[in-house]
Amino acid sequence: MKLTKRITITLDEETLKWLDRKIENKTFHNYQHAIEKLLTEKIEETRFRHFNCYEDHVTIFDEVLNRLVNIYNKDGILSCDYHQRENCDHVRFAYTLKEIQKAVEEGKIKRLPFRF
């Protein structure tokens, strides 16, 4: 990971006690690891939003990239236009959409195992 900016934060006593317990229990290695992990999880929770669904693709908004990303149905296989592949987080999110789940049930889209 490339360090882009060093910051200083102030946390309240209860939060620090909680973090200390988590570090002691080996949930986190240290404060930096804890904060990076918790922020990453929060970002992932809200990273993608369904934008629109079309005949041949769905469009989602990626908060991290700050852009729309199209996921195309190519011969029954979902493929990310941004990454030019079938096994990225955009495709994984697309499979959670009700329109895609319905297409999988109808046999219009294949459910592929992800290779991460």
C-alpha atoms as a PDB file:
ATOM      1  CA  MET A   1       0.000   0.000   0.000  1.00  0.00           C
ATOM      2  CA  LYS A   2       1.331   3.409  -0.949  1.00  0.00           C
ATOM      3  CA  LEU A   3       1.356   5.965   1.874  1.00  0.00           C
ATOM      4  CA  THR A   4      -0.237   9.088   0.498  1.00  0.00           C
ATOM      5  CA  LYS A   5      -0.817  11.184   3.602  1.00  0.00           C
ATOM      6  CA  ARG A   6      -0.045  10.905   7.289  1.00  0.00           C
ATOM      7  CA  ILE A   7      -2.811  12.085   9.628  1.00  0.00           C
ATOM      8  CA  THR A   8      -3.293  12.489  13.363  1.00  0.00           C
ATOM      9  CA  ILE A   9      -6.604  11.665  15.011  1.00  0.00           C
ATOM     10  CA  THR A  10      -7.958  12.037  18.526  1.00  0.00           C
ATOM     11  CA  LEU A  11     -10.196   9.298  19.913  1.00  0.00           C
ATOM     12  CA  ASP A  12     -12.286   9.307  23.071  1.00  0.00           C
ATOM     13  CA  GLU A  13     -11.284   7.141  26.032  1.00  0.00           C
ATOM     14  CA  GLU A  14     -13.980   4.496  25.495  1.00  0.00           C
ATOM     15  CA  THR A  15     -13.010   4.015  21.864  1.00  0.00           C
ATOM     16  CA  LEU A  16      -9.356   3.654  22.838  1.00  0.00           C
ATOM     17  CA  LYS A  17     -10.243   1.059  25.506  1.00  0.00           C
ATOM     18  CA  TRP A  18     -12.259  -0.870  22.927  1.00  0.00           C
ATOM     19  CA  LEU A  19      -9.371  -0.744  20.440  1.00  0.00           C
ATOM     20  CA  ASP A  20      -6.904  -1.848  23.123  1.00  0.00           C
ATOM     21  CA  ARG A  21      -9.085  -4.878  23.926  1.00  0.00           C
ATOM     22  CA  LYS A  22      -9.321  -5.765  20.233  1.00  0.00           C
ATOM     23  CA  ILE A  23      -5.553  -5.461  19.823  1.00  0.00           C
ATOM     24  CA  GLU A  24      -4.971  -7.548  22.954  1.00  0.00           C
ATOM     25  CA  ASN A  25      -7.357 -10.223  21.603  1.00  0.00           C
ATOM     26  CA  LYS A  26      -5.460 -10.188  18.275  1.00  0.00           C
ATOM     27  CA  THR A  27      -8.429  -8.875  16.292  1.00  0.00           C
ATOM     28  CA  PHE A  28      -6.140  -6.083  15.122  1.00  0.00           C
ATOM     29  CA  HIS A  29      -2.347  -5.865  15.069  1.00  0.00           C
ATOM     30  CA  ASN A  30      -2.196  -2.206  16.132  1.00  0.00           C
ATOM     31  CA  TYR A  31      -4.117   1.078  15.926  1.00  0.00           C
ATOM     32  CA  GLN A  32      -3.250   1.662  12.289  1.00  0.00           C
ATOM     33  CA  HIS A  33      -4.444  -1.797  11.305  1.00  0.00           C
ATOM     34  CA  ALA A  34      -7.665  -1.328  13.288  1.00  0.00           C
ATOM     35  CA  ILE A  35      -8.514   2.019  11.736  1.00  0.00           C
ATOM     36  CA  GLU A  36      -7.634   0.889   8.187  1.00  0.00           C
ATOM     37  CA  LYS A  37      -9.702  -2.297   8.568  1.00  0.00           C
ATOM     38  CA  LEU A  38     -12.725  -0.543  10.059  1.00  0.00           C
ATOM     39  CA  LEU A  39     -12.665   2.229   7.452  1.00  0.00           C
ATOM     40  CA  THR A  40     -12.305  -0.285   4.619  1.00  0.00           C
ATOM     41  CA  GLU A  41     -15.290  -2.281   5.908  1.00  0.00           C
ATOM     42  CA  LYS A  42     -17.400   0.871   6.169  1.00  0.00           C
ATOM     43  CA  ILE A  43     -16.422   1.983   2.667  1.00  0.00           C
ATOM     44  CA  GLU A  44     -17.278  -1.445   1.263  1.00  0.00           C
ATOM     45  CA  GLU A  45     -20.719  -1.309   2.928  1.00  0.00           C
ATOM     46  CA  THR A  46     -21.626   1.848   1.039  1.00  0.00           C
ATOM     47  CA  ARG A  47     -19.283   1.692  -1.950  1.00  0.00           C
ATOM     48  CA  PHE A  48     -21.732   0.605  -4.663  1.00  0.00           C
ATOM     49  CA  ARG A  49     -25.184   1.840  -5.614  1.00  0.00           C
ATOM     50  CA  HIS A  50     -27.454   0.423  -8.277  1.00  0.00           C
ATOM     51  CA  PHE A  51     -27.958   3.140 -10.854  1.00  0.00           C
ATOM     52  CA  ASN A  52     -29.933   1.587 -13.726  1.00  0.00           C
ATOM     53  CA  CYS A  53     -30.775  -1.675 -15.459  1.00  0.00           C
ATOM     54  CA  TYR A  54     -30.875  -2.090 -19.226  1.00  0.00           C
ATOM     55  CA  GLU A  55     -31.510  -5.006 -21.600  1.00  0.00           C
ATOM     56  CA  ASP A  56     -27.816  -5.885 -21.981  1.00  0.00           C
ATOM     57  CA  HIS A  57     -26.220  -4.360 -18.881  1.00  0.00           C
ATOM     58  CA  VAL A  58     -26.611  -2.821 -15.447  1.00  0.00           C
ATOM     59  CA  THR A  59     -24.990   0.398 -14.349  1.00  0.00           C
ATOM     60  CA  ILE A  60     -23.735   0.915 -10.818  1.00  0.00           C
ATOM     61  CA  PHE A  61     -22.120   3.888  -9.148  1.00  0.00           C
ATOM     62  CA  ASP A  62     -18.781   3.249  -7.435  1.00  0.00           C
ATOM     63  CA  GLU A  63     -18.221   5.745  -4.601  1.00  0.00           C
ATOM     64  CA  VAL A  64     -14.487   5.007  -4.413  1.00  0.00           C
ATOM     65  CA  LEU A  65     -13.908   5.584  -8.124  1.00  0.00           C
ATOM     66  CA  ASN A  66     -16.550   8.335  -8.155  1.00  0.00           C
ATOM     67  CA  ARG A  67     -17.895   7.091 -11.464  1.00  0.00           C
ATOM     68  CA  LEU A  68     -20.509   4.936 -13.142  1.00  0.00           C
ATOM     69  CA  VAL A  69     -19.478   1.391 -14.049  1.00  0.00           C
ATOM     70  CA  ASN A  70     -21.305  -0.814 -16.551  1.00  0.00           C
ATOM     71  CA  ILE A  71     -21.626  -4.562 -16.080  1.00  0.00           C
ATOM     72  CA  TYR A  72     -22.521  -6.283 -19.365  1.00  0.00           C
ATOM     73  CA  ASN A  73     -24.197  -9.612 -20.004  1.00  0.00           C
ATOM     74  CA  LYS A  74     -21.921 -11.230 -22.585  1.00  0.00           C
ATOM     75  CA  ASP A  75     -23.375 -14.569 -23.652  1.00  0.00           C
ATOM     76  CA  GLY A  76     -24.770 -15.195 -20.174  1.00  0.00           C
ATOM     77  CA  ILE A  77     -21.650 -14.099 -18.315  1.00  0.00           C
ATOM     78  CA  LEU A  78     -21.419 -10.803 -16.451  1.00  0.00           C
ATOM     79  CA  SER A  79     -18.356  -8.738 -17.313  1.00  0.00           C
ATOM     80  CA  CYS A  80     -17.157  -5.439 -15.883  1.00  0.00           C
ATOM     81  CA  ASP A  81     -16.524  -2.794 -18.521  1.00  0.00           C
ATOM     82  CA  TYR A  82     -14.160  -0.907 -16.191  1.00  0.00           C
ATOM     83  CA  HIS A  83     -11.895  -3.855 -15.283  1.00  0.00           C
ATOM     84  CA  GLN A  84     -12.498  -5.802 -18.516  1.00  0.00           C
ATOM     85  CA  ARG A  85     -13.050  -9.021 -16.559  1.00  0.00           C
ATOM     86  CA  GLU A  86     -15.646 -11.231 -14.935  1.00  0.00           C
ATOM     87  CA  ASN A  87     -14.308 -11.477 -11.397  1.00  0.00           C
ATOM     88  CA  CYS A  88     -14.176  -8.068  -9.761  1.00  0.00           C
ATOM     89  CA  ASP A  89     -16.114  -6.393  -6.944  1.00  0.00           C
ATOM     90  CA  HIS A  90     -18.384  -4.650  -9.460  1.00  0.00           C
ATOM     91  CA  VAL A  91     -19.539  -7.981 -10.882  1.00  0.00           C
ATOM     92  CA  ARG A  92     -19.893  -9.450  -7.392  1.00  0.00           C
ATOM     93  CA  PHE A  93     -22.126  -6.507  -6.419  1.00  0.00           C
ATOM     94  CA  ALA A  94     -24.143  -6.858  -9.637  1.00  0.00           C
ATOM     95  CA  TYR A  95     -25.050 -10.426  -8.634  1.00  0.00           C
ATOM     96  CA  THR A  96     -26.755  -9.028  -5.509  1.00  0.00           C
ATOM     97  CA  LEU A  97     -29.230  -6.977  -7.575  1.00  0.00           C
ATOM     98  CA  LYS A  98     -32.748  -8.388  -7.817  1.00  0.00           C
ATOM     99  CA  GLU A  99     -32.813  -7.945 -11.611  1.00  0.00           C
ATOM    100  CA  ILE A 100     -29.645 -10.019 -11.977  1.00  0.00           C
ATOM    101  CA  GLN A 101     -30.842 -12.645  -9.503  1.00  0.00           C
ATOM    102  CA  LYS A 102     -34.056 -12.990 -11.527  1.00  0.00           C
ATOM    103  CA  ALA A 103     -32.037 -13.368 -14.762  1.00  0.00           C
ATOM    104  CA  VAL A 104     -29.914 -16.076 -13.086  1.00  0.00           C
ATOM    105  CA  GLU A 105     -33.086 -17.931 -12.015  1.00  0.00           C
ATOM    106  CA  GLU A 106     -34.419 -17.686 -15.576  1.00  0.00           C
ATOM    107  CA  GLY A 107     -31.135 -19.040 -16.977  1.00  0.00           C
ATOM    108  CA  LYS A 108     -30.298 -15.834 -18.860  1.00  0.00           C
ATOM    109  CA  ILE A 109     -27.148 -15.294 -16.778  1.00  0.00           C
ATOM    110  CA  LYS A 110     -24.805 -17.958 -15.437  1.00  0.00           C
ATOM    111  CA  ARG A 111     -23.698 -17.853 -11.832  1.00  0.00           C
ATOM    112  CA  LEU A 112     -19.912 -18.153 -11.947  1.00  0.00           C
ATOM    113  CA  PRO A 113     -17.640 -19.019  -9.012  1.00  0.00           C
ATOM    114  CA  PHE A 114     -15.431 -16.070  -8.207  1.00  0.00           C
ATOM    115  CA  ARG A 115     -11.673 -16.391  -8.409  1.00  0.00           C
ATOM    116  CA  PHE A 116     -10.147 -13.879  -6.011  1.00  0.00           C
END
